[in-house]
Amino acid sequence: MATGWPAVLTDGEVRLRPLRRRDQDAWLMLRARNAAWLDPWDATSPVPVSGPAPTFGQFVRMLASQARAGTALPFAVDVDGELAGQLTVSSIVHGSLRGATVGYWLGEEFAGRGVMPTAVALATDHCFGALGLHRVEVNIRPENAPSLRVVHKLGFRDEGLRERYLHIQGRWCDHRSFALTTEDVPGGLLARWHATRRNGAARPSDGHLPS
């Protein structure tokens, strides 16, 4: 198995665990209920794709293969034991960069409760600790206010606009890039997030806001 995988990460009601094939029914129902909430931000293929879409089982097997290869960590996000969303650490590289990208989605019914900031903090600390990475980044469309709030609350650094960065809903879309390195959170991101919540105000994010 790859270093740092499989992993189960928990803080209060929030739990990150490997996405499994048995999640199919809950995952499909969650996505269906939240189609209008999630579809505007879903990546699409820039070239026509022939044949049927992958089944959920095929999707999970693909992610599991990436996890075994050490290039991705596909987490389900549970809240009090209920599937609430997904967080994937992808594009994991070592060598001189030692970085990764975090992407996530959450059902609207779970939004506004600190679930995704907690999940991202757990995953980031895991990347910096168990995986030995140095940098984690999140790329977000400027229009995606709920997602922007996540990185704002966590104090991710705004590194600027990436023009036509990702294909979304049939067109190439600009994204803002946010990042943290180990030097930014010497005591861990989860600990800093807990302190932020205790203080009752989000930490300034070097001039930006969102995801």
N, C-alpha and C. Protein backbone atom coordinates (compact mmCIF):
# COMPACT_ATOMS: atom_id res chain seq x y z
N MET A 1 0.83 -1.19 0.00
CA MET A 1 0.00 0.00 0.00
C MET A 1 0.87 1.26 0.00
N ALA A 2 0.34 2.34 -0.58
CA ALA A 2 1.06 3.60 -0.59
C ALA A 2 1.16 4.17 0.82
N THR A 3 2.19 4.96 1.06
CA THR A 3 2.35 5.61 2.35
C THR A 3 1.14 6.48 2.66
N GLY A 4 0.61 6.36 3.89
CA GLY A 4 -0.51 7.20 4.29
C GLY A 4 -1.86 6.75 3.79
N TRP A 5 -1.94 5.52 3.25
CA TRP A 5 -3.21 5.01 2.73
C TRP A 5 -3.28 3.50 2.91
N PRO A 6 -4.44 2.94 3.28
CA PRO A 6 -5.69 3.64 3.60
C PRO A 6 -5.59 4.39 4.92
N ALA A 7 -6.46 5.39 5.07
CA ALA A 7 -6.44 6.21 6.28
C ALA A 7 -7.86 6.57 6.68
N VAL A 8 -8.07 6.68 7.97
CA VAL A 8 -9.33 7.19 8.53
C VAL A 8 -8.95 8.36 9.44
N LEU A 9 -9.52 9.53 9.15
CA LEU A 9 -9.19 10.76 9.88
C LEU A 9 -10.47 11.31 10.49
N THR A 10 -10.44 11.62 11.77
CA THR A 10 -11.66 12.00 12.48
C THR A 10 -11.44 13.23 13.34
N ASP A 11 -12.44 14.10 13.35
CA ASP A 11 -12.47 15.23 14.28
C ASP A 11 -13.93 15.54 14.59
N GLY A 12 -14.36 15.26 15.81
CA GLY A 12 -15.75 15.48 16.17
C GLY A 12 -16.69 14.66 15.30
N GLU A 13 -17.68 15.33 14.70
CA GLU A 13 -18.67 14.64 13.88
C GLU A 13 -18.16 14.32 12.48
N VAL A 14 -16.99 14.86 12.11
CA VAL A 14 -16.47 14.73 10.74
C VAL A 14 -15.47 13.58 10.67
N ARG A 15 -15.68 12.73 9.67
CA ARG A 15 -14.80 11.57 9.49
C ARG A 15 -14.45 11.43 8.01
N LEU A 16 -13.17 11.31 7.72
CA LEU A 16 -12.70 11.00 6.37
C LEU A 16 -12.28 9.55 6.34
N ARG A 17 -12.72 8.84 5.33
CA ARG A 17 -12.40 7.41 5.18
C ARG A 17 -12.35 7.09 3.70
N PRO A 18 -11.78 5.96 3.32
CA PRO A 18 -11.75 5.60 1.90
C PRO A 18 -13.16 5.45 1.33
N LEU A 19 -13.37 5.98 0.13
CA LEU A 19 -14.62 5.78 -0.59
C LEU A 19 -14.70 4.32 -1.01
N ARG A 20 -15.85 3.67 -0.78
CA ARG A 20 -16.02 2.25 -1.05
C ARG A 20 -17.17 2.01 -2.03
N ARG A 21 -17.16 0.83 -2.65
CA ARG A 21 -18.25 0.48 -3.56
C ARG A 21 -19.59 0.41 -2.84
N ARG A 22 -19.58 0.06 -1.57
CA ARG A 22 -20.84 -0.03 -0.83
C ARG A 22 -21.46 1.35 -0.57
N ASP A 23 -20.72 2.42 -0.88
CA ASP A 23 -21.28 3.77 -0.76
C ASP A 23 -22.18 4.13 -1.94
N GLN A 24 -22.32 3.23 -2.90
CA GLN A 24 -22.99 3.58 -4.16
C GLN A 24 -24.36 4.22 -3.95
N ASP A 25 -25.26 3.56 -3.24
CA ASP A 25 -26.63 4.08 -3.11
C ASP A 25 -26.64 5.45 -2.43
N ALA A 26 -25.92 5.57 -1.32
CA ALA A 26 -25.89 6.85 -0.60
C ALA A 26 -25.25 7.94 -1.45
N TRP A 27 -24.17 7.60 -2.17
CA TRP A 27 -23.46 8.57 -3.00
C TRP A 27 -24.36 9.05 -4.14
N LEU A 28 -25.01 8.12 -4.82
CA LEU A 28 -25.87 8.49 -5.95
C LEU A 28 -27.06 9.33 -5.48
N MET A 29 -27.65 8.98 -4.35
CA MET A 29 -28.79 9.76 -3.84
C MET A 29 -28.35 11.16 -3.43
N LEU A 30 -27.18 11.25 -2.79
CA LEU A 30 -26.66 12.55 -2.38
C LEU A 30 -26.39 13.44 -3.58
N ARG A 31 -25.77 12.88 -4.61
CA ARG A 31 -25.50 13.65 -5.83
C ARG A 31 -26.80 14.06 -6.52
N ALA A 32 -27.78 13.18 -6.57
CA ALA A 32 -29.05 13.50 -7.22
C ALA A 32 -29.77 14.63 -6.49
N ARG A 33 -29.80 14.58 -5.15
CA ARG A 33 -30.46 15.63 -4.37
C ARG A 33 -29.78 16.98 -4.56
N ASN A 34 -28.49 16.94 -4.83
CA ASN A 34 -27.71 18.18 -4.88
C ASN A 34 -27.26 18.54 -6.29
N ALA A 35 -27.95 18.02 -7.30
CA ALA A 35 -27.52 18.26 -8.68
C ALA A 35 -27.41 19.76 -9.00
N ALA A 36 -28.42 20.52 -8.65
CA ALA A 36 -28.40 21.96 -8.97
C ALA A 36 -27.30 22.68 -8.19
N TRP A 37 -26.98 22.19 -7.01
CA TRP A 37 -25.96 22.79 -6.14
C TRP A 37 -24.55 22.47 -6.63
N LEU A 38 -24.35 21.27 -7.20
CA LEU A 38 -23.01 20.79 -7.54
C LEU A 38 -22.66 20.88 -9.02
N ASP A 39 -23.64 20.68 -9.90
CA ASP A 39 -23.35 20.58 -11.33
C ASP A 39 -22.58 21.78 -11.90
N PRO A 40 -22.85 23.02 -11.47
CA PRO A 40 -22.13 24.15 -12.07
C PRO A 40 -20.62 24.10 -11.87
N TRP A 41 -20.15 23.28 -10.94
CA TRP A 41 -18.72 23.26 -10.62
C TRP A 41 -18.03 21.96 -11.04
N ASP A 42 -18.78 21.03 -11.62
CA ASP A 42 -18.21 19.73 -11.99
C ASP A 42 -17.35 19.83 -13.25
N ALA A 43 -16.19 19.21 -13.20
CA ALA A 43 -15.31 19.17 -14.37
C ALA A 43 -15.93 18.31 -15.46
N THR A 44 -15.66 18.69 -16.71
CA THR A 44 -16.16 17.96 -17.87
C THR A 44 -15.00 17.69 -18.82
N SER A 45 -15.22 16.78 -19.76
CA SER A 45 -14.18 16.45 -20.73
C SER A 45 -14.21 17.44 -21.89
N PRO A 46 -13.06 17.97 -22.30
CA PRO A 46 -13.03 18.89 -23.44
C PRO A 46 -13.16 18.20 -24.78
N VAL A 47 -13.11 16.87 -24.79
CA VAL A 47 -13.27 16.12 -26.04
C VAL A 47 -14.46 15.18 -25.89
N PRO A 48 -15.16 14.89 -26.98
CA PRO A 48 -16.32 13.99 -26.89
C PRO A 48 -15.92 12.63 -26.33
N VAL A 49 -16.76 12.11 -25.45
CA VAL A 49 -16.52 10.79 -24.85
C VAL A 49 -17.59 9.84 -25.35
N SER A 50 -17.16 8.78 -26.02
CA SER A 50 -18.11 7.82 -26.56
C SER A 50 -18.40 6.72 -25.54
N GLY A 51 -19.55 6.10 -25.70
CA GLY A 51 -19.91 5.00 -24.82
C GLY A 51 -20.55 5.48 -23.54
N PRO A 52 -21.01 4.54 -22.72
CA PRO A 52 -21.69 4.89 -21.47
C PRO A 52 -20.72 5.47 -20.45
N ALA A 53 -21.26 6.26 -19.54
CA ALA A 53 -20.45 6.80 -18.45
C ALA A 53 -20.00 5.66 -17.54
N PRO A 54 -18.86 5.80 -16.88
CA PRO A 54 -18.40 4.75 -15.96
C PRO A 54 -19.43 4.49 -14.86
N THR A 55 -19.55 3.24 -14.46
CA THR A 55 -20.40 2.92 -13.33
C THR A 55 -19.74 3.42 -12.04
N PHE A 56 -20.50 3.44 -10.96
CA PHE A 56 -19.92 3.86 -9.68
C PHE A 56 -18.80 2.90 -9.27
N GLY A 57 -19.02 1.61 -9.51
CA GLY A 57 -17.99 0.63 -9.19
C GLY A 57 -16.70 0.88 -9.95
N GLN A 58 -16.81 1.21 -11.24
CA GLN A 58 -15.63 1.51 -12.04
C GLN A 58 -14.94 2.78 -11.54
N PHE A 59 -15.75 3.76 -11.16
CA PHE A 59 -15.22 5.01 -10.61
C PHE A 59 -14.41 4.76 -9.35
N VAL A 60 -14.94 3.95 -8.45
CA VAL A 60 -14.24 3.65 -7.20
C VAL A 60 -12.98 2.84 -7.47
N ARG A 61 -13.04 1.89 -8.40
CA ARG A 61 -11.85 1.10 -8.74
C ARG A 61 -10.74 1.98 -9.31
N MET A 62 -11.12 2.94 -10.15
CA MET A 62 -10.13 3.86 -10.71
C MET A 62 -9.45 4.66 -9.60
N LEU A 63 -10.25 5.18 -8.66
CA LEU A 63 -9.69 5.94 -7.55
C LEU A 63 -8.81 5.05 -6.66
N ALA A 64 -9.25 3.81 -6.43
CA ALA A 64 -8.47 2.89 -5.61
C ALA A 64 -7.13 2.58 -6.26
N SER A 65 -7.13 2.46 -7.59
CA SER A 65 -5.89 2.22 -8.31
C SER A 65 -4.92 3.40 -8.15
N GLN A 66 -5.46 4.61 -8.22
CA GLN A 66 -4.62 5.80 -8.03
C GLN A 66 -4.07 5.85 -6.60
N ALA A 67 -4.91 5.43 -5.64
CA ALA A 67 -4.45 5.42 -4.24
C ALA A 67 -3.31 4.42 -4.06
N ARG A 68 -3.45 3.24 -4.66
CA ARG A 68 -2.38 2.23 -4.56
C ARG A 68 -1.09 2.73 -5.19
N ALA A 69 -1.23 3.52 -6.26
CA ALA A 69 -0.06 4.05 -6.94
C ALA A 69 0.55 5.24 -6.20
N GLY A 70 -0.16 5.73 -5.18
CA GLY A 70 0.36 6.85 -4.40
C GLY A 70 0.15 8.21 -5.03
N THR A 71 -0.77 8.30 -6.01
CA THR A 71 -1.01 9.59 -6.68
C THR A 71 -2.28 10.27 -6.22
N ALA A 72 -3.13 9.60 -5.44
CA ALA A 72 -4.39 10.19 -4.98
C ALA A 72 -4.84 9.55 -3.68
N LEU A 73 -5.63 10.30 -2.91
CA LEU A 73 -6.28 9.78 -1.70
C LEU A 73 -7.77 10.11 -1.82
N PRO A 74 -8.61 9.14 -2.18
CA PRO A 74 -10.04 9.40 -2.39
C PRO A 74 -10.84 9.17 -1.11
N PHE A 75 -11.19 10.24 -0.43
CA PHE A 75 -11.91 10.15 0.84
C PHE A 75 -13.40 10.39 0.66
N ALA A 76 -14.21 9.57 1.34
CA ALA A 76 -15.60 9.93 1.60
C ALA A 76 -15.61 10.82 2.83
N VAL A 77 -16.54 11.79 2.86
CA VAL A 77 -16.70 12.66 4.02
C VAL A 77 -18.00 12.27 4.72
N ASP A 78 -17.89 11.78 5.93
CA ASP A 78 -19.06 11.41 6.74
C ASP A 78 -19.30 12.46 7.82
N VAL A 79 -20.57 12.70 8.11
CA VAL A 79 -20.96 13.55 9.24
C VAL A 79 -21.88 12.72 10.12
N ASP A 80 -21.44 12.45 11.34
CA ASP A 80 -22.20 11.59 12.26
C ASP A 80 -22.61 10.28 11.58
N GLY A 81 -21.69 9.70 10.80
CA GLY A 81 -21.93 8.42 10.16
C GLY A 81 -22.69 8.47 8.86
N GLU A 82 -23.12 9.65 8.42
CA GLU A 82 -23.87 9.79 7.17
C GLU A 82 -22.97 10.36 6.09
N LEU A 83 -23.01 9.77 4.88
CA LEU A 83 -22.22 10.29 3.78
C LEU A 83 -22.67 11.71 3.44
N ALA A 84 -21.72 12.65 3.46
CA ALA A 84 -22.05 14.06 3.25
C ALA A 84 -21.36 14.66 2.03
N GLY A 85 -20.31 14.00 1.54
CA GLY A 85 -19.58 14.55 0.41
C GLY A 85 -18.34 13.74 0.12
N GLN A 86 -17.43 14.36 -0.61
CA GLN A 86 -16.20 13.68 -1.01
C GLN A 86 -15.05 14.67 -1.02
N LEU A 87 -13.89 14.20 -0.65
CA LEU A 87 -12.66 15.00 -0.72
C LEU A 87 -11.58 14.12 -1.32
N THR A 88 -10.93 14.62 -2.36
CA THR A 88 -9.88 13.86 -3.01
C THR A 88 -8.59 14.65 -3.03
N VAL A 89 -7.55 14.06 -2.50
CA VAL A 89 -6.20 14.60 -2.65
C VAL A 89 -5.65 13.98 -3.93
N SER A 90 -5.31 14.80 -4.91
CA SER A 90 -4.88 14.28 -6.21
C SER A 90 -3.56 14.93 -6.64
N SER A 91 -3.05 14.46 -7.77
CA SER A 91 -1.80 15.00 -8.33
C SER A 91 -0.68 15.01 -7.30
N ILE A 92 -0.60 13.94 -6.51
CA ILE A 92 0.45 13.84 -5.50
C ILE A 92 1.80 13.60 -6.18
N VAL A 93 2.75 14.46 -5.89
CA VAL A 93 4.10 14.29 -6.43
C VAL A 93 5.10 14.44 -5.29
N HIS A 94 6.22 13.77 -5.43
CA HIS A 94 7.27 13.84 -4.42
C HIS A 94 8.48 14.56 -5.04
N GLY A 95 9.63 14.06 -4.90
CA GLY A 95 10.79 14.71 -5.49
C GLY A 95 11.01 16.10 -4.92
N SER A 96 11.37 17.04 -5.79
CA SER A 96 11.70 18.39 -5.35
C SER A 96 10.48 19.23 -5.01
N LEU A 97 9.29 18.84 -5.51
CA LEU A 97 8.08 19.62 -5.26
C LEU A 97 7.36 19.18 -3.98
N ARG A 98 7.08 17.89 -3.87
CA ARG A 98 6.38 17.32 -2.72
C ARG A 98 5.07 18.08 -2.45
N GLY A 99 4.17 17.98 -3.43
CA GLY A 99 2.91 18.71 -3.33
C GLY A 99 1.73 17.89 -3.78
N ALA A 100 0.54 18.45 -3.59
CA ALA A 100 -0.71 17.80 -4.00
C ALA A 100 -1.79 18.86 -4.14
N THR A 101 -2.88 18.46 -4.79
CA THR A 101 -4.05 19.31 -4.96
C THR A 101 -5.22 18.68 -4.23
N VAL A 102 -6.01 19.50 -3.55
CA VAL A 102 -7.20 19.03 -2.85
C VAL A 102 -8.45 19.55 -3.56
N GLY A 103 -9.37 18.64 -3.84
CA GLY A 103 -10.67 19.00 -4.39
C GLY A 103 -11.77 18.41 -3.52
N TYR A 104 -12.93 19.03 -3.50
CA TYR A 104 -13.97 18.56 -2.59
C TYR A 104 -15.36 19.01 -3.05
N TRP A 105 -16.37 18.27 -2.59
CA TRP A 105 -17.76 18.72 -2.73
C TRP A 105 -18.53 18.24 -1.50
N LEU A 106 -19.61 18.95 -1.21
CA LEU A 106 -20.40 18.68 -0.02
C LEU A 106 -21.87 18.91 -0.33
N GLY A 107 -22.73 18.03 0.18
CA GLY A 107 -24.16 18.24 0.02
C GLY A 107 -24.59 19.54 0.67
N GLU A 108 -25.54 20.24 0.02
CA GLU A 108 -25.96 21.55 0.52
C GLU A 108 -26.51 21.48 1.94
N GLU A 109 -27.15 20.35 2.27
CA GLU A 109 -27.74 20.22 3.60
C GLU A 109 -26.70 20.19 4.72
N PHE A 110 -25.43 19.97 4.35
CA PHE A 110 -24.35 19.94 5.35
C PHE A 110 -23.53 21.22 5.36
N ALA A 111 -23.83 22.15 4.45
CA ALA A 111 -23.04 23.37 4.33
C ALA A 111 -23.29 24.30 5.52
N GLY A 112 -22.31 25.15 5.82
CA GLY A 112 -22.46 26.14 6.86
C GLY A 112 -22.24 25.64 8.27
N ARG A 113 -21.74 24.42 8.40
CA ARG A 113 -21.54 23.83 9.73
C ARG A 113 -20.07 23.60 10.06
N GLY A 114 -19.19 24.07 9.19
CA GLY A 114 -17.76 23.86 9.42
C GLY A 114 -17.27 22.49 9.00
N VAL A 115 -18.11 21.74 8.28
CA VAL A 115 -17.75 20.38 7.91
C VAL A 115 -16.56 20.37 6.95
N MET A 116 -16.67 21.12 5.84
CA MET A 116 -15.60 21.03 4.85
C MET A 116 -14.31 21.70 5.30
N PRO A 117 -14.34 22.83 6.01
CA PRO A 117 -13.06 23.31 6.55
C PRO A 117 -12.38 22.28 7.46
N THR A 118 -13.17 21.58 8.26
CA THR A 118 -12.59 20.54 9.11
C THR A 118 -12.00 19.42 8.27
N ALA A 119 -12.74 19.00 7.22
CA ALA A 119 -12.26 17.92 6.35
C ALA A 119 -10.97 18.32 5.64
N VAL A 120 -10.93 19.54 5.11
CA VAL A 120 -9.73 20.00 4.41
C VAL A 120 -8.55 20.11 5.38
N ALA A 121 -8.82 20.57 6.60
CA ALA A 121 -7.75 20.65 7.60
C ALA A 121 -7.21 19.26 7.94
N LEU A 122 -8.11 18.30 8.13
CA LEU A 122 -7.67 16.92 8.40
C LEU A 122 -6.81 16.39 7.27
N ALA A 123 -7.27 16.58 6.03
CA ALA A 123 -6.53 16.06 4.87
C ALA A 123 -5.19 16.75 4.70
N THR A 124 -5.17 18.06 4.92
CA THR A 124 -3.92 18.81 4.77
C THR A 124 -2.89 18.36 5.80
N ASP A 125 -3.31 18.21 7.05
CA ASP A 125 -2.38 17.72 8.08
C ASP A 125 -1.88 16.32 7.75
N HIS A 126 -2.74 15.49 7.17
CA HIS A 126 -2.32 14.14 6.77
C HIS A 126 -1.28 14.22 5.66
N CYS A 127 -1.49 15.13 4.71
CA CYS A 127 -0.51 15.30 3.63
C CYS A 127 0.84 15.76 4.17
N PHE A 128 0.81 16.71 5.09
CA PHE A 128 2.06 17.24 5.63
C PHE A 128 2.73 16.26 6.59
N GLY A 129 1.92 15.42 7.25
CA GLY A 129 2.47 14.48 8.21
C GLY A 129 2.81 13.14 7.60
N ALA A 130 1.80 12.29 7.42
CA ALA A 130 2.02 10.92 6.96
C ALA A 130 2.65 10.84 5.57
N LEU A 131 2.27 11.77 4.68
CA LEU A 131 2.79 11.72 3.31
C LEU A 131 4.09 12.48 3.15
N GLY A 132 4.42 13.34 4.11
CA GLY A 132 5.66 14.10 4.03
C GLY A 132 5.68 15.13 2.93
N LEU A 133 4.50 15.67 2.56
CA LEU A 133 4.44 16.69 1.52
C LEU A 133 4.77 18.06 2.10
N HIS A 134 5.09 18.99 1.20
CA HIS A 134 5.46 20.35 1.60
C HIS A 134 4.39 21.37 1.25
N ARG A 135 3.59 21.09 0.22
CA ARG A 135 2.64 22.09 -0.30
C ARG A 135 1.32 21.42 -0.66
N VAL A 136 0.22 22.08 -0.31
CA VAL A 136 -1.12 21.66 -0.71
C VAL A 136 -1.81 22.85 -1.35
N GLU A 137 -2.45 22.63 -2.49
CA GLU A 137 -3.16 23.72 -3.15
C GLU A 137 -4.60 23.33 -3.45
N VAL A 138 -5.44 24.36 -3.55
CA VAL A 138 -6.85 24.21 -3.90
C VAL A 138 -7.15 25.22 -5.00
N ASN A 139 -7.80 24.77 -6.08
CA ASN A 139 -8.13 25.66 -7.19
C ASN A 139 -9.64 25.79 -7.31
N ILE A 140 -10.13 27.03 -7.32
CA ILE A 140 -11.56 27.30 -7.19
C ILE A 140 -12.01 28.34 -8.21
N ARG A 141 -13.16 28.11 -8.80
CA ARG A 141 -13.73 29.13 -9.68
C ARG A 141 -14.08 30.38 -8.86
N PRO A 142 -13.79 31.56 -9.39
CA PRO A 142 -14.08 32.79 -8.63
C PRO A 142 -15.55 32.95 -8.27
N GLU A 143 -16.45 32.30 -9.03
CA GLU A 143 -17.88 32.41 -8.76
C GLU A 143 -18.36 31.45 -7.67
N ASN A 144 -17.52 30.54 -7.25
CA ASN A 144 -17.94 29.50 -6.30
C ASN A 144 -17.76 29.98 -4.86
N ALA A 145 -18.69 30.82 -4.42
CA ALA A 145 -18.57 31.44 -3.10
C ALA A 145 -18.51 30.44 -1.95
N PRO A 146 -19.35 29.39 -1.93
CA PRO A 146 -19.27 28.45 -0.80
C PRO A 146 -17.89 27.79 -0.68
N SER A 147 -17.29 27.44 -1.82
CA SER A 147 -15.98 26.81 -1.77
C SER A 147 -14.90 27.81 -1.37
N LEU A 148 -15.05 29.03 -1.82
CA LEU A 148 -14.08 30.07 -1.45
C LEU A 148 -14.08 30.32 0.05
N ARG A 149 -15.25 30.21 0.66
CA ARG A 149 -15.31 30.43 2.11
C ARG A 149 -14.49 29.40 2.88
N VAL A 150 -14.37 28.20 2.32
CA VAL A 150 -13.59 27.16 2.99
C VAL A 150 -12.13 27.59 3.12
N VAL A 151 -11.53 27.99 2.02
CA VAL A 151 -10.11 28.36 2.07
C VAL A 151 -9.90 29.67 2.82
N HIS A 152 -10.90 30.55 2.76
CA HIS A 152 -10.81 31.79 3.54
C HIS A 152 -10.77 31.49 5.03
N LYS A 153 -11.66 30.62 5.48
CA LYS A 153 -11.70 30.27 6.90
C LYS A 153 -10.41 29.61 7.37
N LEU A 154 -9.79 28.85 6.47
CA LEU A 154 -8.57 28.11 6.83
C LEU A 154 -7.30 28.92 6.63
N GLY A 155 -7.42 30.11 6.04
CA GLY A 155 -6.24 30.95 5.87
C GLY A 155 -5.31 30.53 4.75
N PHE A 156 -5.85 29.85 3.72
CA PHE A 156 -5.02 29.53 2.55
C PHE A 156 -4.58 30.83 1.87
N ARG A 157 -3.39 30.83 1.35
CA ARG A 157 -2.82 31.98 0.66
C ARG A 157 -3.36 32.06 -0.77
N ASP A 158 -3.85 33.23 -1.17
CA ASP A 158 -4.33 33.44 -2.54
C ASP A 158 -3.13 33.68 -3.45
N GLU A 159 -2.91 32.76 -4.39
CA GLU A 159 -1.76 32.88 -5.28
C GLU A 159 -2.13 33.40 -6.67
N GLY A 160 -3.38 33.87 -6.82
CA GLY A 160 -3.74 34.52 -8.06
C GLY A 160 -4.60 33.69 -8.99
N LEU A 161 -4.86 34.25 -10.16
CA LEU A 161 -5.78 33.67 -11.14
C LEU A 161 -5.05 32.78 -12.13
N ARG A 162 -5.61 31.60 -12.37
CA ARG A 162 -5.13 30.72 -13.44
C ARG A 162 -6.18 30.77 -14.55
N GLU A 163 -5.85 31.41 -15.63
CA GLU A 163 -6.81 31.61 -16.71
C GLU A 163 -7.06 30.32 -17.47
N ARG A 164 -8.34 30.08 -17.76
CA ARG A 164 -8.77 28.90 -18.53
C ARG A 164 -8.09 27.64 -18.00
N TYR A 165 -8.19 27.45 -16.71
CA TYR A 165 -7.43 26.39 -16.03
C TYR A 165 -8.07 25.02 -16.16
N LEU A 166 -9.41 24.95 -16.07
CA LEU A 166 -10.07 23.65 -16.03
C LEU A 166 -11.35 23.70 -16.85
N HIS A 167 -11.67 22.58 -17.50
CA HIS A 167 -12.87 22.49 -18.33
C HIS A 167 -14.07 22.17 -17.44
N ILE A 168 -15.03 23.11 -17.37
CA ILE A 168 -16.20 23.00 -16.52
C ILE A 168 -17.45 23.26 -17.35
N GLN A 169 -18.39 22.31 -17.31
CA GLN A 169 -19.67 22.51 -17.98
C GLN A 169 -19.51 23.01 -19.42
N GLY A 170 -18.57 22.39 -20.14
CA GLY A 170 -18.44 22.65 -21.56
C GLY A 170 -17.54 23.79 -21.98
N ARG A 171 -16.84 24.43 -21.05
CA ARG A 171 -15.94 25.52 -21.44
C ARG A 171 -14.76 25.59 -20.47
N TRP A 172 -13.68 26.19 -20.96
CA TRP A 172 -12.50 26.38 -20.13
C TRP A 172 -12.72 27.55 -19.19
N CYS A 173 -12.55 27.31 -17.89
CA CYS A 173 -12.89 28.31 -16.88
C CYS A 173 -11.67 28.74 -16.07
N ASP A 174 -11.65 30.03 -15.74
CA ASP A 174 -10.61 30.55 -14.85
C ASP A 174 -10.81 30.01 -13.44
N HIS A 175 -9.71 29.86 -12.73
CA HIS A 175 -9.74 29.45 -11.32
C HIS A 175 -8.77 30.30 -10.52
N ARG A 176 -9.09 30.52 -9.26
CA ARG A 176 -8.14 31.12 -8.34
C ARG A 176 -7.41 29.99 -7.62
N SER A 177 -6.12 30.18 -7.44
CA SER A 177 -5.29 29.17 -6.81
C SER A 177 -4.94 29.59 -5.39
N PHE A 178 -5.15 28.67 -4.44
CA PHE A 178 -4.85 28.91 -3.03
C PHE A 178 -3.90 27.81 -2.55
N ALA A 179 -3.01 28.15 -1.63
CA ALA A 179 -2.02 27.15 -1.20
C ALA A 179 -1.59 27.38 0.24
N LEU A 180 -1.10 26.31 0.83
CA LEU A 180 -0.40 26.34 2.12
C LEU A 180 0.84 25.47 1.99
N THR A 181 1.89 25.85 2.70
CA THR A 181 3.06 25.00 2.85
C THR A 181 3.24 24.69 4.33
N THR A 182 4.11 23.77 4.61
CA THR A 182 4.31 23.37 6.00
C THR A 182 4.73 24.54 6.88
N GLU A 183 5.46 25.49 6.30
CA GLU A 183 5.90 26.65 7.08
C GLU A 183 4.73 27.52 7.54
N ASP A 184 3.62 27.47 6.79
CA ASP A 184 2.45 28.29 7.12
C ASP A 184 1.71 27.78 8.35
N VAL A 185 1.81 26.49 8.63
CA VAL A 185 1.03 25.90 9.73
C VAL A 185 1.93 24.99 10.57
N PRO A 186 2.92 25.55 11.26
CA PRO A 186 3.85 24.71 12.03
C PRO A 186 3.17 23.89 13.12
N GLY A 187 2.03 24.38 13.62
CA GLY A 187 1.31 23.64 14.65
C GLY A 187 0.18 22.79 14.10
N GLY A 188 0.06 22.73 12.77
CA GLY A 188 -1.00 21.95 12.14
C GLY A 188 -2.20 22.82 11.77
N LEU A 189 -2.82 22.51 10.64
CA LEU A 189 -3.96 23.30 10.17
C LEU A 189 -5.20 23.05 11.01
N LEU A 190 -5.42 21.81 11.44
CA LEU A 190 -6.61 21.53 12.25
C LEU A 190 -6.57 22.32 13.56
N ALA A 191 -5.40 22.37 14.19
CA ALA A 191 -5.28 23.13 15.44
C ALA A 191 -5.56 24.61 15.20
N ARG A 192 -5.08 25.13 14.07
CA ARG A 192 -5.34 26.54 13.77
C ARG A 192 -6.81 26.78 13.49
N TRP A 193 -7.46 25.83 12.81
CA TRP A 193 -8.89 25.94 12.53
C TRP A 193 -9.69 25.91 13.83
N HIS A 194 -9.31 25.04 14.76
CA HIS A 194 -9.99 25.01 16.06
C HIS A 194 -9.84 26.36 16.78
N ALA A 195 -8.65 26.93 16.72
CA ALA A 195 -8.43 28.23 17.37
C ALA A 195 -9.27 29.31 16.71
N THR A 196 -9.37 29.26 15.39
CA THR A 196 -10.19 30.23 14.66
C THR A 196 -11.65 30.14 15.09
N ARG A 197 -12.15 28.92 15.22
CA ARG A 197 -13.55 28.74 15.63
C ARG A 197 -13.76 29.22 17.06
N ARG A 198 -12.80 28.96 17.91
CA ARG A 198 -12.93 29.43 19.30
C ARG A 198 -12.96 30.95 19.37
N ASN A 199 -12.18 31.58 18.49
CA ASN A 199 -12.13 33.04 18.48
C ASN A 199 -13.35 33.65 17.81
N GLY A 200 -14.12 32.82 17.09
CA GLY A 200 -15.37 33.28 16.50
C GLY A 200 -15.22 34.13 15.27
N ALA A 201 -14.05 34.12 14.64
CA ALA A 201 -13.86 34.91 13.42
C ALA A 201 -12.85 34.22 12.55
N ALA A 202 -13.04 34.34 11.22
CA ALA A 202 -12.12 33.72 10.28
C ALA A 202 -10.81 34.48 10.25
N ARG A 203 -9.74 33.73 10.12
CA ARG A 203 -8.42 34.34 9.99
C ARG A 203 -8.32 35.00 8.63
N PRO A 204 -7.75 36.23 8.52
CA PRO A 204 -7.57 36.86 7.22
C PRO A 204 -6.77 35.95 6.30
N SER A 205 -7.14 35.93 5.01
CA SER A 205 -6.49 35.02 4.07
C SER A 205 -5.62 35.77 3.08
N ASP A 206 -4.83 36.73 3.56
CA ASP A 206 -3.91 37.47 2.71
C ASP A 206 -4.64 38.12 1.55
N GLY A 207 -5.80 38.68 1.82
CA GLY A 207 -6.48 39.46 0.80
C GLY A 207 -7.49 38.73 -0.02
N HIS A 208 -7.82 37.49 0.30
CA HIS A 208 -8.87 36.85 -0.50
C HIS A 208 -9.95 36.19 0.30
N LEU A 209 -10.84 35.56 -0.40
CA LEU A 209 -12.03 34.96 0.17
C LEU A 209 -12.46 33.81 -0.71
N PRO A 210 -12.87 32.66 -0.36
CA PRO A 210 -13.68 31.62 -0.95
C PRO A 210 -13.41 30.14 -1.20
N SER A 211 -14.18 29.37 -1.72
CA SER A 211 -14.33 28.05 -2.29
C SER A 211 -15.47 27.32 -1.71
